[in-house]
């Protein structure tokens, strides 16, 4: 089941340790992540009302760091880092009608090439993004609408 996907980090986690980035000092840092790529997977007996499957998505993305300038109070992007993302998942799906499914999945997001470093006012190199904050387990629940091939004849 090849497909294309895109994801965006819905919340913007705060970044409290930006007090020495740039000049003048930036405050109220927020991190934004977006990525797009493809999905490949397998569904076991997709015509059954309840079935399971495995999938993996992979793609490229960007981590953006935003902060508010203390002089102008304008929020702007002060740094970004291109990353690679791979997310293997296992899922369970429930066919409710021939055009509606509910899917619950769990997986683990791996980030690669997180290498942004900034030099603060004390000339110290500090990582902009911490890889361990984004390489972690994830869980999702989805409502899926559409025509599902094999399920159309079984769930009439």
C-alpha atoms as a PDB file:
ATOM      1  CA  UNK A   1       0.000   0.000   0.000  1.00  0.00           C
ATOM      2  CA  UNK A   2       2.342   2.794  -1.098  1.00  0.00           C
ATOM      3  CA  UNK A   3       1.165   6.297  -0.301  1.00  0.00           C
ATOM      4  CA  UNK A   4       2.460   9.801   0.274  1.00  0.00           C
ATOM      5  CA  UNK A   5       2.166  11.494   3.641  1.00  0.00           C
ATOM      6  CA  UNK A   6       2.862  14.764   5.352  1.00  0.00           C
ATOM      7  CA  UNK A   7       2.970  15.620   9.034  1.00  0.00           C
ATOM      8  CA  UNK A   8       3.282  18.791  11.035  1.00  0.00           C
ATOM      9  CA  UNK A   9       3.993  19.237  14.712  1.00  0.00           C
ATOM     10  CA  UNK A  10       0.722  20.688  16.021  1.00  0.00           C
ATOM     11  CA  UNK A  11       2.056  22.149  19.239  1.00  0.00           C
ATOM     12  CA  UNK A  12       5.030  24.462  19.377  1.00  0.00           C
ATOM     13  CA  UNK A  13       7.188  23.357  22.300  1.00  0.00           C
ATOM     14  CA  UNK A  14       8.766  26.267  24.155  1.00  0.00           C
ATOM     15  CA  UNK A  15      12.514  26.743  24.185  1.00  0.00           C
ATOM     16  CA  UNK A  16      13.538  28.424  27.446  1.00  0.00           C
ATOM     17  CA  UNK A  17      17.328  28.422  26.944  1.00  0.00           C
ATOM     18  CA  UNK A  18      17.626  30.996  24.149  1.00  0.00           C
ATOM     19  CA  UNK A  19      18.887  33.807  26.341  1.00  0.00           C
ATOM     20  CA  UNK A  20      22.267  33.930  24.611  1.00  0.00           C
ATOM     21  CA  UNK A  21      21.343  33.333  20.962  1.00  0.00           C
ATOM     22  CA  UNK A  22      22.191  36.267  18.740  1.00  0.00           C
ATOM     23  CA  UNK A  23      22.326  39.907  19.640  1.00  0.00           C
ATOM     24  CA  UNK A  24      20.133  41.342  21.051  1.00  0.00           C
ATOM     25  CA  UNK A  25      18.949  38.505  23.276  1.00  0.00           C
ATOM     26  CA  UNK A  26      15.989  36.557  21.880  1.00  0.00           C
ATOM     27  CA  UNK A  27      13.191  35.296  24.107  1.00  0.00           C
ATOM     28  CA  UNK A  28      10.112  33.064  23.889  1.00  0.00           C
ATOM     29  CA  UNK A  29      11.607  30.475  21.548  1.00  0.00           C
ATOM     30  CA  UNK A  30       9.333  27.939  19.850  1.00  0.00           C
ATOM     31  CA  UNK A  31      10.142  24.888  17.748  1.00  0.00           C
ATOM     32  CA  UNK A  32       8.149  23.841  14.681  1.00  0.00           C
ATOM     33  CA  UNK A  33       8.584  20.577  12.743  1.00  0.00           C
ATOM     34  CA  UNK A  34       7.190  19.610   9.330  1.00  0.00           C
ATOM     35  CA  UNK A  35       8.000  16.642   7.103  1.00  0.00           C
ATOM     36  CA  UNK A  36       6.765  14.802   4.028  1.00  0.00           C
ATOM     37  CA  UNK A  37       7.584  11.458   2.477  1.00  0.00           C
ATOM     38  CA  UNK A  38       6.152   8.072   1.583  1.00  0.00           C
ATOM     39  CA  UNK A  39       4.547   5.096   3.332  1.00  0.00           C
ATOM     40  CA  UNK A  40       4.901   1.402   2.602  1.00  0.00           C
ATOM     41  CA  UNK A  41       3.077  -1.292   4.557  1.00  0.00           C
ATOM     42  CA  UNK A  42       1.123  -4.527   4.810  1.00  0.00           C
ATOM     43  CA  UNK A  43      -2.440  -5.181   6.048  1.00  0.00           C
ATOM     44  CA  UNK A  44      -3.376  -8.669   7.199  1.00  0.00           C
ATOM     45  CA  UNK A  45      -6.868  -9.648   5.944  1.00  0.00           C
ATOM     46  CA  UNK A  46      -8.103  -6.104   5.281  1.00  0.00           C
ATOM     47  CA  UNK A  47     -11.598  -7.395   4.467  1.00  0.00           C
ATOM     48  CA  UNK A  48     -12.148  -8.503   8.077  1.00  0.00           C
ATOM     49  CA  UNK A  49     -14.007  -6.074  10.293  1.00  0.00           C
ATOM     50  CA  UNK A  50     -10.980  -5.878  12.630  1.00  0.00           C
ATOM     51  CA  UNK A  51      -7.518  -6.373  11.148  1.00  0.00           C
ATOM     52  CA  UNK A  52      -3.901  -5.429  11.815  1.00  0.00           C
ATOM     53  CA  UNK A  53      -0.943  -4.297   9.793  1.00  0.00           C
ATOM     54  CA  UNK A  54       2.541  -2.880   9.767  1.00  0.00           C
ATOM     55  CA  UNK A  55       3.853   0.150   7.939  1.00  0.00           C
ATOM     56  CA  UNK A  56       6.820   2.439   7.765  1.00  0.00           C
ATOM     57  CA  UNK A  57       7.034   6.010   6.620  1.00  0.00           C
ATOM     58  CA  UNK A  58      10.189   7.829   5.621  1.00  0.00           C
ATOM     59  CA  UNK A  59      10.866  11.327   4.436  1.00  0.00           C
ATOM     60  CA  UNK A  60      12.681  14.588   4.837  1.00  0.00           C
ATOM     61  CA  UNK A  61      11.691  17.441   7.071  1.00  0.00           C
ATOM     62  CA  UNK A  62      12.666  20.689   8.679  1.00  0.00           C
ATOM     63  CA  UNK A  63      12.954  21.746  12.301  1.00  0.00           C
ATOM     64  CA  UNK A  64      12.457  25.497  12.628  1.00  0.00           C
ATOM     65  CA  UNK A  65      13.369  27.640  15.610  1.00  0.00           C
ATOM     66  CA  UNK A  66      11.278  30.788  16.066  1.00  0.00           C
ATOM     67  CA  UNK A  67      11.854  33.528  18.633  1.00  0.00           C
ATOM     68  CA  UNK A  68      10.551  36.973  19.446  1.00  0.00           C
ATOM     69  CA  UNK A  69      12.968  39.854  18.951  1.00  0.00           C
ATOM     70  CA  UNK A  70      13.019  41.838  22.222  1.00  0.00           C
ATOM     71  CA  UNK A  71      13.355  45.178  20.432  1.00  0.00           C
ATOM     72  CA  UNK A  72      10.711  44.894  17.701  1.00  0.00           C
ATOM     73  CA  UNK A  73       8.630  42.145  19.420  1.00  0.00           C
ATOM     74  CA  UNK A  74       8.272  40.493  16.003  1.00  0.00           C
ATOM     75  CA  UNK A  75       8.330  36.681  15.948  1.00  0.00           C
ATOM     76  CA  UNK A  76      10.608  35.312  13.261  1.00  0.00           C
ATOM     77  CA  UNK A  77      12.568  32.239  12.236  1.00  0.00           C
ATOM     78  CA  UNK A  78      16.102  32.436  13.566  1.00  0.00           C
ATOM     79  CA  UNK A  79      17.342  28.957  12.646  1.00  0.00           C
ATOM     80  CA  UNK A  80      16.305  25.791  10.786  1.00  0.00           C
ATOM     81  CA  UNK A  81      17.750  22.305  10.385  1.00  0.00           C
ATOM     82  CA  UNK A  82      16.933  19.767   7.656  1.00  0.00           C
ATOM     83  CA  UNK A  83      16.309  16.266   9.054  1.00  0.00           C
ATOM     84  CA  UNK A  84      15.535  12.740   7.870  1.00  0.00           C
ATOM     85  CA  UNK A  85      12.637  10.911   9.523  1.00  0.00           C
ATOM     86  CA  UNK A  86      11.751   7.196   9.606  1.00  0.00           C
ATOM     87  CA  UNK A  87       8.699   5.928  11.523  1.00  0.00           C
ATOM     88  CA  UNK A  88       7.968   2.161  11.698  1.00  0.00           C
ATOM     89  CA  UNK A  89       4.431   1.433  12.977  1.00  0.00           C
ATOM     90  CA  UNK A  90       2.081  -1.371  13.911  1.00  0.00           C
ATOM     91  CA  UNK A  91      -1.644  -0.694  13.677  1.00  0.00           C
ATOM     92  CA  UNK A  92      -5.131  -2.073  14.208  1.00  0.00           C
ATOM     93  CA  UNK A  93      -7.987  -1.015  11.969  1.00  0.00           C
ATOM     94  CA  UNK A  94     -11.751  -1.296  12.387  1.00  0.00           C
ATOM     95  CA  UNK A  95     -13.937  -1.275   9.242  1.00  0.00           C
ATOM     96  CA  UNK A  96     -17.162   0.455  10.329  1.00  0.00           C
ATOM     97  CA  UNK A  97     -18.728   0.830   6.866  1.00  0.00           C
ATOM     98  CA  UNK A  98     -17.517   0.308   3.320  1.00  0.00           C
ATOM     99  CA  UNK A  99     -16.379   3.953   3.275  1.00  0.00           C
ATOM    100  CA  UNK A 100     -15.285   4.588   6.895  1.00  0.00           C
ATOM    101  CA  UNK A 101     -12.494   3.095   9.064  1.00  0.00           C
ATOM    102  CA  UNK A 102     -10.910   3.865  12.414  1.00  0.00           C
ATOM    103  CA  UNK A 103      -7.183   3.220  12.750  1.00  0.00           C
ATOM    104  CA  UNK A 104      -5.054   3.141  15.924  1.00  0.00           C
ATOM    105  CA  UNK A 105      -1.295   2.904  15.491  1.00  0.00           C
ATOM    106  CA  UNK A 106       1.837   3.051  17.553  1.00  0.00           C
ATOM    107  CA  UNK A 107       5.357   3.485  16.333  1.00  0.00           C
ATOM    108  CA  UNK A 108       8.728   4.989  16.999  1.00  0.00           C
ATOM    109  CA  UNK A 109      10.004   8.133  15.265  1.00  0.00           C
ATOM    110  CA  UNK A 110      13.718   8.147  14.380  1.00  0.00           C
ATOM    111  CA  UNK A 111      15.347  11.423  13.360  1.00  0.00           C
ATOM    112  CA  UNK A 112      18.633  11.607  11.524  1.00  0.00           C
ATOM    113  CA  UNK A 113      20.979  14.463  10.608  1.00  0.00           C
ATOM    114  CA  UNK A 114      19.995  16.699  13.498  1.00  0.00           C
ATOM    115  CA  UNK A 115      23.213  18.690  13.518  1.00  0.00           C
ATOM    116  CA  UNK A 116      22.423  22.356  14.008  1.00  0.00           C
ATOM    117  CA  UNK A 117      24.850  24.203  16.253  1.00  0.00           C
ATOM    118  CA  UNK A 118      24.863  27.876  17.151  1.00  0.00           C
ATOM    119  CA  UNK A 119      27.629  29.905  18.777  1.00  0.00           C
ATOM    120  CA  UNK A 120      26.378  32.000  21.692  1.00  0.00           C
ATOM    121  CA  UNK A 121      27.718  35.366  22.862  1.00  0.00           C
ATOM    122  CA  UNK A 122      30.303  33.577  25.038  1.00  0.00           C
ATOM    123  CA  UNK A 123      31.619  31.800  21.882  1.00  0.00           C
ATOM    124  CA  UNK A 124      30.355  28.408  23.145  1.00  0.00           C
ATOM    125  CA  UNK A 125      28.955  25.902  20.640  1.00  0.00           C
ATOM    126  CA  UNK A 126      25.525  24.653  21.673  1.00  0.00           C
ATOM    127  CA  UNK A 127      23.194  22.240  19.826  1.00  0.00           C
ATOM    128  CA  UNK A 128      20.144  24.054  18.502  1.00  0.00           C
ATOM    129  CA  UNK A 129      17.934  20.953  18.523  1.00  0.00           C
ATOM    130  CA  UNK A 130      18.268  17.952  20.812  1.00  0.00           C
ATOM    131  CA  UNK A 131      17.796  14.743  18.775  1.00  0.00           C
ATOM    132  CA  UNK A 132      16.418  12.839  21.795  1.00  0.00           C
ATOM    133  CA  UNK A 133      13.470  15.260  22.054  1.00  0.00           C
ATOM    134  CA  UNK A 134      12.185  14.122  18.643  1.00  0.00           C
ATOM    135  CA  UNK A 135      13.375  10.491  18.457  1.00  0.00           C
ATOM    136  CA  UNK A 136      10.665   8.909  20.586  1.00  0.00           C
ATOM    137  CA  UNK A 137       7.511   6.752  20.605  1.00  0.00           C
ATOM    138  CA  UNK A 138       4.335   8.035  19.013  1.00  0.00           C
ATOM    139  CA  UNK A 139       0.671   7.000  19.043  1.00  0.00           C
ATOM    140  CA  UNK A 140      -2.144   8.044  16.732  1.00  0.00           C
ATOM    141  CA  UNK A 141      -5.850   7.479  16.162  1.00  0.00           C
ATOM    142  CA  UNK A 142      -7.262   8.285  12.723  1.00  0.00           C
ATOM    143  CA  UNK A 143     -10.679   8.384  11.103  1.00  0.00           C
ATOM    144  CA  UNK A 144     -10.325   7.325   7.467  1.00  0.00           C
ATOM    145  CA  UNK A 145     -12.924   8.037   4.775  1.00  0.00           C
ATOM    146  CA  UNK A 146     -12.864   6.717   1.199  1.00  0.00           C
ATOM    147  CA  UNK A 147     -13.286   3.672  -1.059  1.00  0.00           C
ATOM    148  CA  UNK A 148     -11.229   0.742   0.197  1.00  0.00           C
ATOM    149  CA  UNK A 149     -11.105  -1.796  -2.645  1.00  0.00           C
ATOM    150  CA  UNK A 150     -11.586  -5.284  -1.184  1.00  0.00           C
ATOM    151  CA  UNK A 151     -13.767  -3.986   1.661  1.00  0.00           C
ATOM    152  CA  UNK A 152     -16.427  -2.592  -0.698  1.00  0.00           C
ATOM    153  CA  UNK A 153     -17.912  -6.003  -1.471  1.00  0.00           C
ATOM    154  CA  UNK A 154     -17.591  -7.489   2.021  1.00  0.00           C
ATOM    155  CA  UNK A 155     -19.180  -4.803   4.174  1.00  0.00           C
ATOM    156  CA  UNK A 156     -22.316  -4.069   2.115  1.00  0.00           C
END
